[in-house]
């Protein structure tokens, strides 16, 4: 959004290529989690609409974009999770927490089908979880086998649990 606004402010909007407009539109969709992230604003929507027209994006661009990202994740699941994992010490909890993330169009089946890889990839510490934004549903799916982590997530982001599988009411 900021890059597009700089193009416009400098009077260069008419000079952007279709490829560059497509890349910026994809970045906006990704950064805003399909306009469902809490930090999304009208400027993001406006920038996407303008870029979409310039790039002549099809109506199914957003779904296709996230499905393409998902296909890349499925090529090497462990690497995709490792590349988007943070290990963070939480002094207030008295522990280190390993947080993996996979941004997916639909994440429930991904988690169900790849539990072992997820556990092997993130289970380097006792306290770990995977958060998988399910873009098409506008929620996050979570996975952990640790009861303490489930309790923390229930309190912190109002997660409901069915065994080791959690669901939030919105995207995070």
N, C-alpha and C. Protein backbone atom coordinates (compact mmCIF):
# COMPACT_ATOMS: atom_id res chain seq x y z
N UNK A 1 0.84 -1.19 0.00
CA UNK A 1 0.00 0.00 0.00
C UNK A 1 0.88 1.25 0.00
N UNK A 2 1.89 1.27 0.86
CA UNK A 2 2.76 2.43 0.93
C UNK A 2 3.53 2.64 -0.37
N UNK A 3 3.97 1.57 -0.98
CA UNK A 3 4.70 1.69 -2.25
C UNK A 3 3.78 2.24 -3.33
N UNK A 4 2.57 1.71 -3.41
CA UNK A 4 1.63 2.21 -4.41
C UNK A 4 1.31 3.68 -4.16
N UNK A 5 1.09 4.04 -2.91
CA UNK A 5 0.80 5.44 -2.59
C UNK A 5 1.97 6.35 -2.98
N UNK A 6 3.21 5.86 -2.85
CA UNK A 6 4.37 6.65 -3.27
C UNK A 6 4.38 6.82 -4.79
N UNK A 7 4.04 5.77 -5.53
CA UNK A 7 3.91 5.88 -6.99
C UNK A 7 2.91 6.97 -7.35
N UNK A 8 1.76 6.92 -6.71
CA UNK A 8 0.69 7.88 -7.00
C UNK A 8 1.14 9.30 -6.63
N UNK A 9 1.74 9.45 -5.45
CA UNK A 9 2.16 10.78 -4.99
C UNK A 9 3.20 11.40 -5.92
N UNK A 10 3.99 10.57 -6.55
CA UNK A 10 5.04 11.08 -7.46
C UNK A 10 4.54 11.19 -8.90
N UNK A 11 3.25 10.94 -9.10
CA UNK A 11 2.68 11.04 -10.44
C UNK A 11 3.13 9.94 -11.38
N UNK A 12 3.51 8.79 -10.83
CA UNK A 12 4.04 7.69 -11.64
C UNK A 12 3.07 6.52 -11.78
N UNK A 13 1.85 6.66 -11.32
CA UNK A 13 0.89 5.55 -11.36
C UNK A 13 0.70 5.02 -12.78
N UNK A 14 0.70 5.91 -13.74
CA UNK A 14 0.46 5.50 -15.13
C UNK A 14 1.66 4.74 -15.71
N UNK A 15 2.81 4.80 -15.05
CA UNK A 15 4.02 4.16 -15.56
C UNK A 15 4.29 2.78 -14.98
N UNK A 16 3.46 2.31 -14.05
CA UNK A 16 3.70 1.01 -13.44
C UNK A 16 3.34 -0.10 -14.44
N UNK A 17 4.16 -1.13 -14.47
CA UNK A 17 3.89 -2.25 -15.38
C UNK A 17 2.81 -3.15 -14.79
N UNK A 18 2.21 -3.94 -15.64
CA UNK A 18 1.20 -4.90 -15.16
C UNK A 18 1.82 -5.87 -14.17
N UNK A 19 3.05 -6.32 -14.44
CA UNK A 19 3.73 -7.25 -13.52
C UNK A 19 3.95 -6.62 -12.16
N UNK A 20 4.42 -5.38 -12.14
CA UNK A 20 4.64 -4.69 -10.86
C UNK A 20 3.32 -4.46 -10.12
N UNK A 21 2.28 -4.12 -10.86
CA UNK A 21 0.97 -3.94 -10.24
C UNK A 21 0.48 -5.25 -9.64
N UNK A 22 0.71 -6.35 -10.34
CA UNK A 22 0.31 -7.66 -9.84
C UNK A 22 1.07 -8.00 -8.56
N UNK A 23 2.38 -7.76 -8.55
CA UNK A 23 3.19 -8.04 -7.36
C UNK A 23 2.75 -7.20 -6.17
N UNK A 24 2.48 -5.94 -6.39
CA UNK A 24 2.02 -5.09 -5.29
C UNK A 24 0.65 -5.53 -4.79
N UNK A 25 -0.24 -5.89 -5.70
CA UNK A 25 -1.57 -6.37 -5.30
C UNK A 25 -1.44 -7.64 -4.46
N UNK A 26 -0.56 -8.56 -4.89
CA UNK A 26 -0.34 -9.80 -4.13
C UNK A 26 0.23 -9.49 -2.75
N UNK A 27 1.14 -8.54 -2.66
CA UNK A 27 1.71 -8.16 -1.37
C UNK A 27 0.63 -7.60 -0.44
N UNK A 28 -0.26 -6.79 -0.97
CA UNK A 28 -1.33 -6.24 -0.16
C UNK A 28 -2.25 -7.35 0.34
N UNK A 29 -2.63 -8.25 -0.54
CA UNK A 29 -3.51 -9.36 -0.15
C UNK A 29 -2.85 -10.22 0.92
N UNK A 30 -1.56 -10.49 0.75
CA UNK A 30 -0.84 -11.32 1.71
C UNK A 30 -0.70 -10.61 3.06
N UNK A 31 -0.24 -9.36 3.03
CA UNK A 31 -0.01 -8.63 4.28
C UNK A 31 -1.28 -8.36 5.07
N UNK A 32 -2.41 -8.27 4.38
CA UNK A 32 -3.68 -7.99 5.07
C UNK A 32 -4.49 -9.27 5.31
N UNK A 33 -3.91 -10.43 4.96
CA UNK A 33 -4.63 -11.71 5.09
C UNK A 33 -6.00 -11.61 4.42
N UNK A 34 -5.95 -11.22 3.15
CA UNK A 34 -7.16 -11.06 2.35
C UNK A 34 -8.12 -10.04 2.98
N UNK A 35 -7.53 -8.95 3.47
CA UNK A 35 -8.27 -7.82 4.03
C UNK A 35 -8.98 -8.17 5.34
N UNK A 36 -8.55 -9.24 6.00
CA UNK A 36 -9.18 -9.65 7.26
C UNK A 36 -8.31 -9.41 8.48
N UNK A 37 -7.06 -9.00 8.30
CA UNK A 37 -6.20 -8.72 9.44
C UNK A 37 -6.68 -7.45 10.14
N UNK A 38 -6.46 -7.38 11.43
CA UNK A 38 -6.98 -6.25 12.20
C UNK A 38 -6.37 -4.92 11.78
N UNK A 39 -5.17 -4.93 11.20
CA UNK A 39 -4.54 -3.68 10.79
C UNK A 39 -4.94 -3.23 9.39
N UNK A 40 -5.80 -3.96 8.73
CA UNK A 40 -6.27 -3.59 7.40
C UNK A 40 -7.08 -2.31 7.47
N UNK A 41 -6.88 -1.44 6.48
CA UNK A 41 -7.68 -0.22 6.46
C UNK A 41 -8.16 0.06 5.04
N UNK A 42 -8.92 1.12 4.89
CA UNK A 42 -9.51 1.46 3.60
C UNK A 42 -8.44 1.79 2.57
N UNK A 43 -7.31 2.32 2.99
CA UNK A 43 -6.22 2.60 2.06
C UNK A 43 -5.75 1.31 1.38
N UNK A 44 -5.69 0.20 2.14
CA UNK A 44 -5.29 -1.08 1.55
C UNK A 44 -6.30 -1.52 0.49
N UNK A 45 -7.57 -1.40 0.81
CA UNK A 45 -8.61 -1.79 -0.14
C UNK A 45 -8.57 -0.94 -1.41
N UNK A 46 -8.37 0.35 -1.22
CA UNK A 46 -8.31 1.27 -2.36
C UNK A 46 -7.09 0.97 -3.23
N UNK A 47 -5.95 0.77 -2.61
CA UNK A 47 -4.73 0.47 -3.37
C UNK A 47 -4.90 -0.82 -4.16
N UNK A 48 -5.46 -1.84 -3.51
CA UNK A 48 -5.68 -3.11 -4.20
C UNK A 48 -6.63 -2.92 -5.40
N UNK A 49 -7.70 -2.17 -5.20
CA UNK A 49 -8.67 -1.95 -6.29
C UNK A 49 -8.00 -1.27 -7.48
N UNK A 50 -7.19 -0.26 -7.19
CA UNK A 50 -6.50 0.46 -8.28
C UNK A 50 -5.49 -0.44 -8.98
N UNK A 51 -4.71 -1.18 -8.22
CA UNK A 51 -3.70 -2.08 -8.79
C UNK A 51 -4.36 -3.22 -9.57
N UNK A 52 -5.47 -3.70 -9.04
CA UNK A 52 -6.20 -4.78 -9.70
C UNK A 52 -6.66 -4.36 -11.10
N UNK A 53 -7.12 -3.12 -11.21
CA UNK A 53 -7.55 -2.62 -12.52
C UNK A 53 -6.37 -2.49 -13.48
N UNK A 54 -5.26 -1.96 -12.99
CA UNK A 54 -4.08 -1.80 -13.83
C UNK A 54 -3.57 -3.16 -14.31
N UNK A 55 -3.51 -4.12 -13.40
CA UNK A 55 -2.99 -5.45 -13.72
C UNK A 55 -4.02 -6.34 -14.41
N UNK A 56 -5.26 -5.86 -14.48
CA UNK A 56 -6.36 -6.64 -15.07
C UNK A 56 -6.47 -8.02 -14.40
N UNK A 57 -6.51 -7.99 -13.07
CA UNK A 57 -6.56 -9.24 -12.31
C UNK A 57 -7.93 -9.89 -12.43
N UNK A 58 -7.96 -11.21 -12.57
CA UNK A 58 -9.24 -11.91 -12.64
C UNK A 58 -9.91 -11.92 -11.27
N UNK A 59 -11.20 -12.16 -11.25
CA UNK A 59 -11.95 -12.15 -9.99
C UNK A 59 -11.48 -13.23 -9.02
N UNK A 60 -10.85 -14.29 -9.52
CA UNK A 60 -10.37 -15.36 -8.64
C UNK A 60 -8.89 -15.22 -8.31
N UNK A 61 -8.32 -14.03 -8.53
CA UNK A 61 -6.89 -13.81 -8.28
C UNK A 61 -6.50 -14.15 -6.85
N UNK A 62 -7.27 -13.69 -5.87
CA UNK A 62 -6.90 -13.88 -4.47
C UNK A 62 -6.86 -15.37 -4.11
N UNK A 63 -7.90 -16.10 -4.46
CA UNK A 63 -7.90 -17.54 -4.18
C UNK A 63 -6.74 -18.22 -4.89
N UNK A 64 -6.52 -17.88 -6.15
CA UNK A 64 -5.43 -18.50 -6.90
C UNK A 64 -4.07 -18.16 -6.30
N UNK A 65 -3.92 -16.95 -5.83
CA UNK A 65 -2.66 -16.53 -5.20
C UNK A 65 -2.37 -17.40 -3.97
N UNK A 66 -3.36 -17.49 -3.07
CA UNK A 66 -3.14 -18.27 -1.86
C UNK A 66 -3.01 -19.76 -2.15
N UNK A 67 -3.72 -20.28 -3.12
CA UNK A 67 -3.57 -21.68 -3.50
C UNK A 67 -2.18 -21.95 -4.07
N UNK A 68 -1.62 -21.01 -4.81
CA UNK A 68 -0.26 -21.16 -5.32
C UNK A 68 0.75 -21.14 -4.18
N UNK A 69 0.54 -20.27 -3.21
CA UNK A 69 1.41 -20.26 -2.02
C UNK A 69 1.33 -21.59 -1.28
N UNK A 70 0.11 -22.10 -1.16
CA UNK A 70 -0.11 -23.38 -0.49
C UNK A 70 0.59 -24.51 -1.23
N UNK A 71 0.55 -24.49 -2.55
CA UNK A 71 1.23 -25.52 -3.35
C UNK A 71 2.72 -25.48 -3.08
N UNK A 72 3.28 -24.29 -2.93
CA UNK A 72 4.70 -24.18 -2.60
C UNK A 72 5.00 -24.76 -1.23
N UNK A 73 4.13 -24.53 -0.28
CA UNK A 73 4.30 -25.09 1.06
C UNK A 73 4.30 -26.61 1.02
N UNK A 74 3.40 -27.18 0.22
CA UNK A 74 3.27 -28.64 0.17
C UNK A 74 4.47 -29.32 -0.48
N UNK A 75 5.27 -28.60 -1.23
CA UNK A 75 6.46 -29.19 -1.85
C UNK A 75 7.50 -29.60 -0.82
N UNK A 76 7.62 -28.83 0.26
CA UNK A 76 8.54 -29.16 1.36
C UNK A 76 7.97 -28.56 2.63
N UNK A 77 7.08 -29.31 3.25
CA UNK A 77 6.33 -28.82 4.40
C UNK A 77 7.24 -28.44 5.56
N UNK A 78 8.20 -29.31 5.88
CA UNK A 78 9.10 -29.03 7.00
C UNK A 78 9.86 -27.74 6.77
N UNK A 79 10.39 -27.53 5.57
CA UNK A 79 11.14 -26.31 5.27
C UNK A 79 10.22 -25.09 5.34
N UNK A 80 9.01 -25.20 4.82
CA UNK A 80 8.07 -24.08 4.85
C UNK A 80 7.76 -23.68 6.29
N UNK A 81 7.56 -24.66 7.15
CA UNK A 81 7.28 -24.35 8.56
C UNK A 81 8.52 -23.75 9.21
N UNK A 82 9.69 -24.36 9.00
CA UNK A 82 10.93 -23.84 9.60
C UNK A 82 11.20 -22.41 9.18
N UNK A 83 10.92 -22.09 7.92
CA UNK A 83 11.19 -20.75 7.41
C UNK A 83 10.28 -19.68 7.99
N UNK A 84 9.19 -20.11 8.63
CA UNK A 84 8.27 -19.15 9.24
C UNK A 84 7.99 -19.54 10.69
N UNK A 85 9.08 -19.85 11.41
CA UNK A 85 8.99 -20.22 12.82
C UNK A 85 9.80 -19.25 13.65
N UNK A 86 9.24 -18.88 14.78
CA UNK A 86 9.94 -18.04 15.73
C UNK A 86 10.03 -18.77 17.06
N UNK A 87 11.18 -18.68 17.68
CA UNK A 87 11.38 -19.20 19.02
C UNK A 87 11.55 -17.99 19.92
N UNK A 88 10.66 -17.85 20.88
CA UNK A 88 10.61 -16.64 21.69
C UNK A 88 10.55 -17.00 23.17
N UNK A 89 11.41 -16.37 23.96
CA UNK A 89 11.36 -16.54 25.41
C UNK A 89 10.25 -15.64 25.96
N UNK A 90 9.38 -16.21 26.75
CA UNK A 90 8.30 -15.48 27.41
C UNK A 90 8.55 -15.52 28.91
N UNK A 91 9.12 -14.44 29.43
CA UNK A 91 9.46 -14.40 30.85
C UNK A 91 8.23 -14.54 31.73
N UNK A 92 7.11 -13.93 31.30
CA UNK A 92 5.89 -14.00 32.11
C UNK A 92 5.34 -15.42 32.19
N UNK A 93 5.67 -16.26 31.20
CA UNK A 93 5.25 -17.66 31.23
C UNK A 93 6.35 -18.57 31.78
N UNK A 94 7.55 -18.02 31.89
CA UNK A 94 8.67 -18.79 32.41
C UNK A 94 9.16 -19.86 31.45
N UNK A 95 9.02 -19.62 30.15
CA UNK A 95 9.42 -20.65 29.20
C UNK A 95 9.71 -20.03 27.83
N UNK A 96 10.23 -20.88 26.99
CA UNK A 96 10.44 -20.53 25.58
C UNK A 96 9.31 -21.18 24.79
N UNK A 97 8.78 -20.44 23.84
CA UNK A 97 7.67 -20.92 23.03
C UNK A 97 8.10 -20.94 21.57
N UNK A 98 7.88 -22.07 20.90
CA UNK A 98 8.17 -22.21 19.48
C UNK A 98 6.85 -22.03 18.73
N UNK A 99 6.82 -21.04 17.83
CA UNK A 99 5.60 -20.70 17.10
C UNK A 99 5.86 -20.84 15.61
N UNK A 100 5.21 -21.81 14.99
CA UNK A 100 5.31 -22.01 13.56
C UNK A 100 4.07 -21.45 12.88
N UNK A 101 4.24 -21.04 11.62
CA UNK A 101 3.10 -20.49 10.89
C UNK A 101 3.11 -20.96 9.45
N UNK A 102 1.95 -21.25 8.94
CA UNK A 102 1.74 -21.53 7.52
C UNK A 102 0.48 -20.80 7.10
N UNK A 103 0.62 -19.88 6.17
CA UNK A 103 -0.51 -19.11 5.65
C UNK A 103 -1.13 -19.93 4.52
N UNK A 104 -2.37 -20.36 4.69
CA UNK A 104 -3.00 -21.26 3.73
C UNK A 104 -4.40 -20.79 3.37
N UNK A 105 -4.86 -21.18 2.22
CA UNK A 105 -6.22 -20.86 1.80
C UNK A 105 -7.21 -21.59 2.69
N UNK A 106 -6.94 -22.87 2.94
CA UNK A 106 -7.78 -23.70 3.82
C UNK A 106 -6.83 -24.58 4.64
N UNK A 107 -6.77 -24.36 5.94
CA UNK A 107 -5.72 -25.00 6.73
C UNK A 107 -6.13 -26.22 7.53
N UNK A 108 -7.41 -26.50 7.69
CA UNK A 108 -7.82 -27.64 8.51
C UNK A 108 -7.30 -28.96 7.96
N UNK A 109 -7.47 -29.19 6.69
CA UNK A 109 -7.01 -30.46 6.11
C UNK A 109 -5.49 -30.55 6.11
N UNK A 110 -4.81 -29.41 5.92
CA UNK A 110 -3.35 -29.40 5.98
C UNK A 110 -2.87 -29.91 7.34
N UNK A 111 -3.43 -29.36 8.41
CA UNK A 111 -3.02 -29.77 9.75
C UNK A 111 -3.37 -31.24 9.99
N UNK A 112 -4.57 -31.64 9.64
CA UNK A 112 -4.98 -33.04 9.82
C UNK A 112 -4.04 -34.00 9.10
N UNK A 113 -3.67 -33.67 7.88
CA UNK A 113 -2.87 -34.57 7.05
C UNK A 113 -1.38 -34.55 7.34
N UNK A 114 -0.91 -33.54 8.07
CA UNK A 114 0.54 -33.40 8.26
C UNK A 114 0.94 -33.23 9.72
N UNK A 115 0.18 -33.83 10.62
CA UNK A 115 0.45 -33.69 12.05
C UNK A 115 1.86 -34.15 12.42
N UNK A 116 2.29 -35.26 11.88
CA UNK A 116 3.60 -35.80 12.25
C UNK A 116 4.73 -34.86 11.84
N UNK A 117 4.67 -34.34 10.63
CA UNK A 117 5.70 -33.40 10.16
C UNK A 117 5.69 -32.15 11.03
N UNK A 118 4.52 -31.67 11.36
CA UNK A 118 4.40 -30.47 12.21
C UNK A 118 5.04 -30.74 13.57
N UNK A 119 4.71 -31.87 14.19
CA UNK A 119 5.28 -32.21 15.50
C UNK A 119 6.80 -32.34 15.42
N UNK A 120 7.29 -33.02 14.40
CA UNK A 120 8.73 -33.21 14.25
C UNK A 120 9.45 -31.88 14.02
N UNK A 121 8.83 -30.99 13.30
CA UNK A 121 9.45 -29.71 12.95
C UNK A 121 9.45 -28.74 14.12
N UNK A 122 8.35 -28.67 14.85
CA UNK A 122 8.21 -27.68 15.91
C UNK A 122 8.51 -28.21 17.31
N UNK A 123 8.53 -29.50 17.48
CA UNK A 123 8.65 -30.09 18.81
C UNK A 123 10.04 -30.08 19.40
N UNK A 124 10.87 -29.09 19.03
CA UNK A 124 12.22 -29.01 19.57
C UNK A 124 12.22 -28.51 21.02
N UNK A 125 11.15 -27.90 21.41
CA UNK A 125 10.94 -27.43 22.78
C UNK A 125 9.61 -28.02 23.26
N UNK A 126 9.42 -28.13 24.56
CA UNK A 126 8.14 -28.69 25.03
C UNK A 126 6.93 -27.82 24.69
N UNK A 127 7.14 -26.52 24.62
CA UNK A 127 6.03 -25.58 24.39
C UNK A 127 6.09 -25.07 22.96
N UNK A 128 5.21 -25.59 22.12
CA UNK A 128 5.18 -25.22 20.71
C UNK A 128 3.75 -25.25 20.20
N UNK A 129 3.53 -24.52 19.10
CA UNK A 129 2.26 -24.64 18.38
C UNK A 129 2.43 -24.15 16.96
N UNK A 130 1.54 -24.60 16.10
CA UNK A 130 1.44 -24.12 14.73
C UNK A 130 0.18 -23.28 14.64
N UNK A 131 0.32 -22.12 14.04
CA UNK A 131 -0.84 -21.31 13.72
C UNK A 131 -0.92 -21.25 12.20
N UNK A 132 -2.07 -21.57 11.68
CA UNK A 132 -2.26 -21.61 10.23
C UNK A 132 -3.49 -20.79 9.85
N UNK A 133 -3.27 -19.53 9.49
CA UNK A 133 -4.40 -18.74 9.01
C UNK A 133 -5.10 -19.47 7.87
N UNK A 134 -6.39 -19.65 8.02
CA UNK A 134 -7.22 -20.27 6.98
C UNK A 134 -7.94 -19.12 6.28
N UNK A 135 -7.27 -18.59 5.25
CA UNK A 135 -7.70 -17.35 4.62
C UNK A 135 -9.14 -17.43 4.11
N UNK A 136 -9.51 -18.54 3.50
CA UNK A 136 -10.86 -18.65 2.94
C UNK A 136 -11.94 -18.60 4.01
N UNK A 137 -11.59 -18.99 5.23
CA UNK A 137 -12.57 -19.02 6.32
C UNK A 137 -12.51 -17.78 7.21
N UNK A 138 -11.41 -17.02 7.12
CA UNK A 138 -11.26 -15.85 7.97
C UNK A 138 -10.98 -16.19 9.43
N UNK A 139 -10.33 -17.34 9.67
CA UNK A 139 -9.99 -17.78 11.03
C UNK A 139 -8.58 -18.37 11.03
N UNK A 140 -8.06 -18.63 12.22
CA UNK A 140 -6.81 -19.38 12.34
C UNK A 140 -7.12 -20.77 12.85
N UNK A 141 -6.41 -21.72 12.31
CA UNK A 141 -6.41 -23.09 12.83
C UNK A 141 -5.11 -23.25 13.59
N UNK A 142 -5.17 -23.88 14.74
CA UNK A 142 -4.00 -24.08 15.57
C UNK A 142 -3.81 -25.56 15.86
N UNK A 143 -2.55 -25.92 16.09
CA UNK A 143 -2.26 -27.31 16.42
C UNK A 143 -1.13 -27.36 17.45
N UNK A 144 -1.38 -28.07 18.53
CA UNK A 144 -0.36 -28.36 19.53
C UNK A 144 -0.81 -29.57 20.33
N UNK A 145 0.15 -30.29 20.85
CA UNK A 145 -0.18 -31.43 21.71
C UNK A 145 0.04 -31.07 23.18
N UNK A 146 0.43 -29.84 23.46
CA UNK A 146 0.79 -29.42 24.80
C UNK A 146 -0.41 -28.75 25.49
N UNK A 147 -0.87 -29.34 26.58
CA UNK A 147 -2.04 -28.83 27.30
C UNK A 147 -1.82 -27.42 27.85
N UNK A 148 -0.61 -27.13 28.29
CA UNK A 148 -0.31 -25.80 28.83
C UNK A 148 -0.43 -24.75 27.73
N UNK A 149 0.10 -25.06 26.56
CA UNK A 149 0.02 -24.13 25.43
C UNK A 149 -1.44 -23.92 25.04
N UNK A 150 -2.22 -24.98 25.03
CA UNK A 150 -3.65 -24.85 24.72
C UNK A 150 -4.33 -23.88 25.69
N UNK A 151 -4.01 -24.01 26.95
CA UNK A 151 -4.59 -23.13 27.97
C UNK A 151 -4.17 -21.68 27.72
N UNK A 152 -2.89 -21.44 27.45
CA UNK A 152 -2.41 -20.09 27.17
C UNK A 152 -3.16 -19.49 25.98
N UNK A 153 -3.27 -20.28 24.89
CA UNK A 153 -3.92 -19.77 23.68
C UNK A 153 -5.41 -19.55 23.89
N UNK A 154 -6.04 -20.39 24.69
CA UNK A 154 -7.46 -20.20 24.99
C UNK A 154 -7.68 -18.86 25.67
N UNK A 155 -6.80 -18.53 26.59
CA UNK A 155 -6.94 -17.28 27.33
C UNK A 155 -6.50 -16.08 26.49
N UNK A 156 -5.44 -16.22 25.72
CA UNK A 156 -4.86 -15.08 25.00
C UNK A 156 -5.67 -14.68 23.77
N UNK A 157 -6.15 -15.67 23.01
CA UNK A 157 -6.84 -15.34 21.75
C UNK A 157 -8.16 -16.09 21.60
N UNK A 158 -8.74 -16.49 22.73
CA UNK A 158 -10.07 -17.08 22.73
C UNK A 158 -10.18 -18.26 21.77
N UNK A 159 -9.25 -19.20 21.91
CA UNK A 159 -9.22 -20.38 21.05
C UNK A 159 -10.12 -21.46 21.62
N UNK A 160 -10.91 -22.09 20.75
CA UNK A 160 -11.68 -23.27 21.17
C UNK A 160 -10.94 -24.49 20.65
N UNK A 161 -10.96 -25.58 21.42
CA UNK A 161 -10.16 -26.76 21.12
C UNK A 161 -11.03 -27.99 20.94
N UNK A 162 -10.65 -28.81 19.99
CA UNK A 162 -11.19 -30.15 19.79
C UNK A 162 -9.97 -31.06 19.76
N UNK A 163 -9.64 -31.60 20.92
CA UNK A 163 -8.41 -32.38 21.03
C UNK A 163 -7.22 -31.45 20.87
N UNK A 164 -6.35 -31.77 19.91
CA UNK A 164 -5.14 -30.98 19.68
C UNK A 164 -5.34 -29.89 18.62
N UNK A 165 -6.56 -29.71 18.16
CA UNK A 165 -6.87 -28.78 17.06
C UNK A 165 -7.68 -27.61 17.57
N UNK A 166 -7.13 -26.41 17.39
CA UNK A 166 -7.78 -25.21 17.87
C UNK A 166 -8.30 -24.36 16.73
N UNK A 167 -9.29 -23.53 17.07
CA UNK A 167 -9.89 -22.61 16.11
C UNK A 167 -10.10 -21.28 16.79
N UNK A 168 -9.74 -20.21 16.09
CA UNK A 168 -10.01 -18.86 16.59
C UNK A 168 -11.26 -18.32 15.88
N UNK A 169 -11.75 -17.22 16.39
CA UNK A 169 -12.96 -16.63 15.78
C UNK A 169 -12.62 -15.65 14.68
N UNK A 170 -11.32 -15.29 14.55
CA UNK A 170 -10.90 -14.37 13.49
C UNK A 170 -9.47 -14.69 13.12
N UNK A 171 -8.96 -13.99 12.12
CA UNK A 171 -7.58 -14.18 11.68
C UNK A 171 -6.62 -13.42 12.60
N UNK A 172 -5.50 -14.05 12.84
CA UNK A 172 -4.39 -13.40 13.58
C UNK A 172 -3.17 -13.47 12.73
